């Protein structure tokens, strides 16, 4: 198995995992907090999809699904259109109040964009330097592994919160 195939497999697991988290959840569960400053399932899912969308679009040189397919308008969040959730306060986390269907639709559209990008890559493409600001410089492969790790971490957090909320 080559590096691109491993990445395709890893990213391919996200959809089923996150749809499993969202399945059957209503507003109460999506906005529940395990503590006063804890992240909600809705915020965690929105954030993990925004991170994948923004990072992969940057690597691919394409427009983000968020704006290209009108999700920014459909979500109608009280943040800038470029917000991905990094550095948000507990109050901002609480403002992400959207339904599971919309979260799932954004997830699916982003997954399709990521799959299309990965389908066109070769192992040699993974060695392309995308950020000279680090030592060593960051390659496309390293960036993709970083995004995959971040997304899976947040998906696991959302699954945990679901388990606690649902009992």
C-alpha atoms as a PDB file:
ATOM      1  CA  UNK A   1       0.000   0.000   0.000  1.00  0.00           C
ATOM      2  CA  UNK A   2       1.361   3.422  -0.912  1.00  0.00           C
ATOM      3  CA  UNK A   3       1.153   6.639   1.100  1.00  0.00           C
ATOM      4  CA  UNK A   4      -1.761   8.098  -0.838  1.00  0.00           C
ATOM      5  CA  UNK A   5      -3.731   4.871  -0.366  1.00  0.00           C
ATOM      6  CA  UNK A   6      -3.132   5.045   3.391  1.00  0.00           C
ATOM      7  CA  UNK A   7      -4.356   8.639   3.469  1.00  0.00           C
ATOM      8  CA  UNK A   8      -7.422   7.767   1.384  1.00  0.00           C
ATOM      9  CA  UNK A   9      -8.235   4.960   3.801  1.00  0.00           C
ATOM     10  CA  UNK A  10      -7.763   7.199   6.836  1.00  0.00           C
ATOM     11  CA  UNK A  11      -9.851  10.066   5.492  1.00  0.00           C
ATOM     12  CA  UNK A  12     -12.420   7.564   4.256  1.00  0.00           C
ATOM     13  CA  UNK A  13     -13.166   6.507   7.827  1.00  0.00           C
ATOM     14  CA  UNK A  14     -14.268   9.982   8.904  1.00  0.00           C
ATOM     15  CA  UNK A  15     -17.676   9.996   7.227  1.00  0.00           C
ATOM     16  CA  UNK A  16     -19.000   6.834   8.846  1.00  0.00           C
ATOM     17  CA  UNK A  17     -17.602   7.797  12.241  1.00  0.00           C
ATOM     18  CA  UNK A  18     -19.111  11.280  12.247  1.00  0.00           C
ATOM     19  CA  UNK A  19     -22.439  10.190  10.764  1.00  0.00           C
ATOM     20  CA  UNK A  20     -22.597   7.635  13.568  1.00  0.00           C
ATOM     21  CA  UNK A  21     -22.109  10.434  16.076  1.00  0.00           C
ATOM     22  CA  UNK A  22     -24.820  12.591  14.484  1.00  0.00           C
ATOM     23  CA  UNK A  23     -27.362   9.799  13.980  1.00  0.00           C
ATOM     24  CA  UNK A  24     -30.632  10.618  15.692  1.00  0.00           C
ATOM     25  CA  UNK A  25     -29.372  13.660  17.599  1.00  0.00           C
ATOM     26  CA  UNK A  26     -31.570  16.675  18.168  1.00  0.00           C
ATOM     27  CA  UNK A  27     -30.744  20.197  19.255  1.00  0.00           C
ATOM     28  CA  UNK A  28     -30.547  19.267  22.941  1.00  0.00           C
ATOM     29  CA  UNK A  29     -27.849  16.656  22.353  1.00  0.00           C
ATOM     30  CA  UNK A  30     -25.975  18.701  19.745  1.00  0.00           C
ATOM     31  CA  UNK A  31     -25.689  21.649  22.143  1.00  0.00           C
ATOM     32  CA  UNK A  32     -25.155  19.749  25.411  1.00  0.00           C
ATOM     33  CA  UNK A  33     -22.004  20.579  27.360  1.00  0.00           C
ATOM     34  CA  UNK A  34     -20.254  18.288  29.800  1.00  0.00           C
ATOM     35  CA  UNK A  35     -18.980  21.362  31.633  1.00  0.00           C
ATOM     36  CA  UNK A  36     -19.503  25.126  31.441  1.00  0.00           C
ATOM     37  CA  UNK A  37     -16.630  25.597  28.971  1.00  0.00           C
ATOM     38  CA  UNK A  38     -16.773  22.227  27.211  1.00  0.00           C
ATOM     39  CA  UNK A  39     -17.217  21.871  23.477  1.00  0.00           C
ATOM     40  CA  UNK A  40     -20.567  20.689  22.154  1.00  0.00           C
ATOM     41  CA  UNK A  41     -21.079  17.898  19.623  1.00  0.00           C
ATOM     42  CA  UNK A  42     -22.392  20.443  17.122  1.00  0.00           C
ATOM     43  CA  UNK A  43     -19.328  22.656  17.505  1.00  0.00           C
ATOM     44  CA  UNK A  44     -16.911  19.702  17.400  1.00  0.00           C
ATOM     45  CA  UNK A  45     -18.413  18.390  14.161  1.00  0.00           C
ATOM     46  CA  UNK A  46     -18.584  21.850  12.558  1.00  0.00           C
ATOM     47  CA  UNK A  47     -14.973  22.529  13.576  1.00  0.00           C
ATOM     48  CA  UNK A  48     -13.558  19.215  12.369  1.00  0.00           C
ATOM     49  CA  UNK A  49     -15.247  19.600   8.985  1.00  0.00           C
ATOM     50  CA  UNK A  50     -14.159  23.258   8.694  1.00  0.00           C
ATOM     51  CA  UNK A  51     -10.548  22.251   9.432  1.00  0.00           C
ATOM     52  CA  UNK A  52     -10.563  19.500   6.805  1.00  0.00           C
ATOM     53  CA  UNK A  53     -12.296  21.742   4.284  1.00  0.00           C
ATOM     54  CA  UNK A  54      -9.982  24.729   4.770  1.00  0.00           C
ATOM     55  CA  UNK A  55      -6.740  22.752   4.887  1.00  0.00           C
ATOM     56  CA  UNK A  56      -7.499  20.481   1.933  1.00  0.00           C
ATOM     57  CA  UNK A  57      -8.782  23.377  -0.189  1.00  0.00           C
ATOM     58  CA  UNK A  58      -5.532  25.222   0.514  1.00  0.00           C
ATOM     59  CA  UNK A  59      -3.467  22.192  -0.522  1.00  0.00           C
ATOM     60  CA  UNK A  60      -5.596  21.585  -3.611  1.00  0.00           C
ATOM     61  CA  UNK A  61      -5.647  25.240  -4.634  1.00  0.00           C
ATOM     62  CA  UNK A  62      -9.450  25.209  -4.711  1.00  0.00           C
ATOM     63  CA  UNK A  63     -12.219  27.178  -3.065  1.00  0.00           C
ATOM     64  CA  UNK A  64     -13.483  25.843   0.259  1.00  0.00           C
ATOM     65  CA  UNK A  65     -16.712  23.849   0.153  1.00  0.00           C
ATOM     66  CA  UNK A  66     -17.892  26.162   2.963  1.00  0.00           C
ATOM     67  CA  UNK A  67     -18.151  29.119   0.590  1.00  0.00           C
ATOM     68  CA  UNK A  68     -18.282  27.467  -2.836  1.00  0.00           C
ATOM     69  CA  UNK A  69     -21.369  25.412  -2.006  1.00  0.00           C
ATOM     70  CA  UNK A  70     -23.141  27.976   0.166  1.00  0.00           C
ATOM     71  CA  UNK A  71     -22.671  26.316   3.539  1.00  0.00           C
ATOM     72  CA  UNK A  72     -21.502  29.580   5.135  1.00  0.00           C
ATOM     73  CA  UNK A  73     -24.882  31.094   4.337  1.00  0.00           C
ATOM     74  CA  UNK A  74     -26.845  27.981   5.300  1.00  0.00           C
ATOM     75  CA  UNK A  75     -25.144  27.741   8.703  1.00  0.00           C
ATOM     76  CA  UNK A  76     -25.532  31.505   9.261  1.00  0.00           C
ATOM     77  CA  UNK A  77     -23.062  31.561  12.156  1.00  0.00           C
ATOM     78  CA  UNK A  78     -22.205  34.831  13.922  1.00  0.00           C
ATOM     79  CA  UNK A  79     -18.503  34.605  12.962  1.00  0.00           C
ATOM     80  CA  UNK A  80     -16.440  35.682   9.997  1.00  0.00           C
ATOM     81  CA  UNK A  81     -16.818  33.449   6.938  1.00  0.00           C
ATOM     82  CA  UNK A  82     -13.218  32.292   7.370  1.00  0.00           C
ATOM     83  CA  UNK A  83     -13.700  31.065  10.967  1.00  0.00           C
ATOM     84  CA  UNK A  84     -12.792  27.421  11.550  1.00  0.00           C
ATOM     85  CA  UNK A  85     -13.152  27.298  15.334  1.00  0.00           C
ATOM     86  CA  UNK A  86      -9.495  27.746  16.297  1.00  0.00           C
ATOM     87  CA  UNK A  87      -9.200  29.913  19.375  1.00  0.00           C
ATOM     88  CA  UNK A  88     -12.922  30.311  19.896  1.00  0.00           C
ATOM     89  CA  UNK A  89     -14.237  31.118  23.341  1.00  0.00           C
ATOM     90  CA  UNK A  90     -16.836  29.055  25.220  1.00  0.00           C
ATOM     91  CA  UNK A  91     -19.437  31.694  24.301  1.00  0.00           C
ATOM     92  CA  UNK A  92     -18.584  31.312  20.611  1.00  0.00           C
ATOM     93  CA  UNK A  93     -18.781  27.524  20.898  1.00  0.00           C
ATOM     94  CA  UNK A  94     -22.315  27.907  22.269  1.00  0.00           C
ATOM     95  CA  UNK A  95     -23.327  29.915  19.181  1.00  0.00           C
ATOM     96  CA  UNK A  96     -22.926  26.931  16.861  1.00  0.00           C
ATOM     97  CA  UNK A  97     -26.536  25.782  16.793  1.00  0.00           C
ATOM     98  CA  UNK A  98     -27.307  23.823  13.646  1.00  0.00           C
ATOM     99  CA  UNK A  99     -29.082  20.571  12.945  1.00  0.00           C
ATOM    100  CA  UNK A 100     -27.531  17.187  12.384  1.00  0.00           C
ATOM    101  CA  UNK A 101     -28.784  17.109   8.777  1.00  0.00           C
ATOM    102  CA  UNK A 102     -26.933  20.302   7.852  1.00  0.00           C
ATOM    103  CA  UNK A 103     -23.781  19.160   9.639  1.00  0.00           C
ATOM    104  CA  UNK A 104     -23.987  15.843   7.789  1.00  0.00           C
ATOM    105  CA  UNK A 105     -24.504  17.544   4.427  1.00  0.00           C
ATOM    106  CA  UNK A 106     -21.440  19.738   4.955  1.00  0.00           C
ATOM    107  CA  UNK A 107     -19.464  16.682   6.054  1.00  0.00           C
ATOM    108  CA  UNK A 108     -20.471  14.768   2.910  1.00  0.00           C
ATOM    109  CA  UNK A 109     -19.632  17.640   0.575  1.00  0.00           C
ATOM    110  CA  UNK A 110     -16.247  18.135   2.227  1.00  0.00           C
ATOM    111  CA  UNK A 111     -15.540  14.404   2.148  1.00  0.00           C
ATOM    112  CA  UNK A 112     -16.248  14.415  -1.602  1.00  0.00           C
ATOM    113  CA  UNK A 113     -13.851  17.325  -2.135  1.00  0.00           C
ATOM    114  CA  UNK A 114     -11.142  15.618  -0.080  1.00  0.00           C
ATOM    115  CA  UNK A 115     -11.658  12.337  -1.931  1.00  0.00           C
ATOM    116  CA  UNK A 116     -11.369  14.137  -5.286  1.00  0.00           C
ATOM    117  CA  UNK A 117      -8.130  15.809  -4.204  1.00  0.00           C
ATOM    118  CA  UNK A 118      -6.611  12.588  -2.867  1.00  0.00           C
ATOM    119  CA  UNK A 119      -7.635  10.664  -6.010  1.00  0.00           C
ATOM    120  CA  UNK A 120      -5.401  12.927  -8.080  1.00  0.00           C
ATOM    121  CA  UNK A 121      -2.302  12.615  -5.879  1.00  0.00           C
ATOM    122  CA  UNK A 122       0.755  10.464  -6.296  1.00  0.00           C
ATOM    123  CA  UNK A 123       3.240   9.573  -3.598  1.00  0.00           C
ATOM    124  CA  UNK A 124       5.647  12.082  -5.165  1.00  0.00           C
ATOM    125  CA  UNK A 125       3.047  14.837  -4.625  1.00  0.00           C
ATOM    126  CA  UNK A 126       3.186  14.183  -0.891  1.00  0.00           C
ATOM    127  CA  UNK A 127       6.782  15.470  -0.851  1.00  0.00           C
ATOM    128  CA  UNK A 128       5.788  18.940  -2.159  1.00  0.00           C
ATOM    129  CA  UNK A 129       6.763  21.596   0.393  1.00  0.00           C
ATOM    130  CA  UNK A 130       3.713  23.629   1.376  1.00  0.00           C
ATOM    131  CA  UNK A 131       5.088  25.676   4.277  1.00  0.00           C
ATOM    132  CA  UNK A 132       8.684  26.904   4.521  1.00  0.00           C
ATOM    133  CA  UNK A 133       8.002  28.468   7.927  1.00  0.00           C
ATOM    134  CA  UNK A 134       8.958  25.327   9.854  1.00  0.00           C
ATOM    135  CA  UNK A 135      12.189  23.415  10.300  1.00  0.00           C
ATOM    136  CA  UNK A 136      11.972  21.062   8.563  1.00  0.00           C
ATOM    137  CA  UNK A 137       9.581  22.593   6.024  1.00  0.00           C
ATOM    138  CA  UNK A 138       6.093  21.082   5.979  1.00  0.00           C
ATOM    139  CA  UNK A 139       5.208  18.845   3.044  1.00  0.00           C
ATOM    140  CA  UNK A 140       1.755  18.084   1.660  1.00  0.00           C
ATOM    141  CA  UNK A 141       1.990  14.597   3.183  1.00  0.00           C
ATOM    142  CA  UNK A 142       2.825  15.939   6.640  1.00  0.00           C
ATOM    143  CA  UNK A 143      -0.002  18.491   6.403  1.00  0.00           C
ATOM    144  CA  UNK A 144      -2.494  15.784   5.422  1.00  0.00           C
ATOM    145  CA  UNK A 145      -1.422  13.542   8.311  1.00  0.00           C
ATOM    146  CA  UNK A 146      -1.787  16.515  10.662  1.00  0.00           C
ATOM    147  CA  UNK A 147      -5.290  17.288   9.375  1.00  0.00           C
ATOM    148  CA  UNK A 148      -6.308  13.632   9.580  1.00  0.00           C
ATOM    149  CA  UNK A 149      -5.084  13.396  13.173  1.00  0.00           C
ATOM    150  CA  UNK A 150      -6.892  16.586  14.189  1.00  0.00           C
ATOM    151  CA  UNK A 151     -10.146  15.548  12.537  1.00  0.00           C
ATOM    152  CA  UNK A 152     -10.103  12.060  14.049  1.00  0.00           C
ATOM    153  CA  UNK A 153      -9.294  13.473  17.489  1.00  0.00           C
ATOM    154  CA  UNK A 154     -12.331  15.772  17.357  1.00  0.00           C
ATOM    155  CA  UNK A 155     -14.546  13.023  15.957  1.00  0.00           C
ATOM    156  CA  UNK A 156     -13.543  10.859  18.924  1.00  0.00           C
ATOM    157  CA  UNK A 157     -14.331  13.702  21.307  1.00  0.00           C
ATOM    158  CA  UNK A 158     -17.767  14.125  19.718  1.00  0.00           C
ATOM    159  CA  UNK A 159     -18.384  10.376  20.016  1.00  0.00           C
ATOM    160  CA  UNK A 160     -17.437  10.503  23.676  1.00  0.00           C
ATOM    161  CA  UNK A 161     -19.793  13.414  24.371  1.00  0.00           C
ATOM    162  CA  UNK A 162     -22.570  11.550  22.541  1.00  0.00           C
ATOM    163  CA  UNK A 163     -22.004   8.520  24.769  1.00  0.00           C
ATOM    164  CA  UNK A 164     -22.216  10.590  27.922  1.00  0.00           C
ATOM    165  CA  UNK A 165     -25.232  12.607  26.756  1.00  0.00           C
ATOM    166  CA  UNK A 166     -27.114   9.556  25.523  1.00  0.00           C
ATOM    167  CA  UNK A 167     -26.094   7.461  28.543  1.00  0.00           C
END
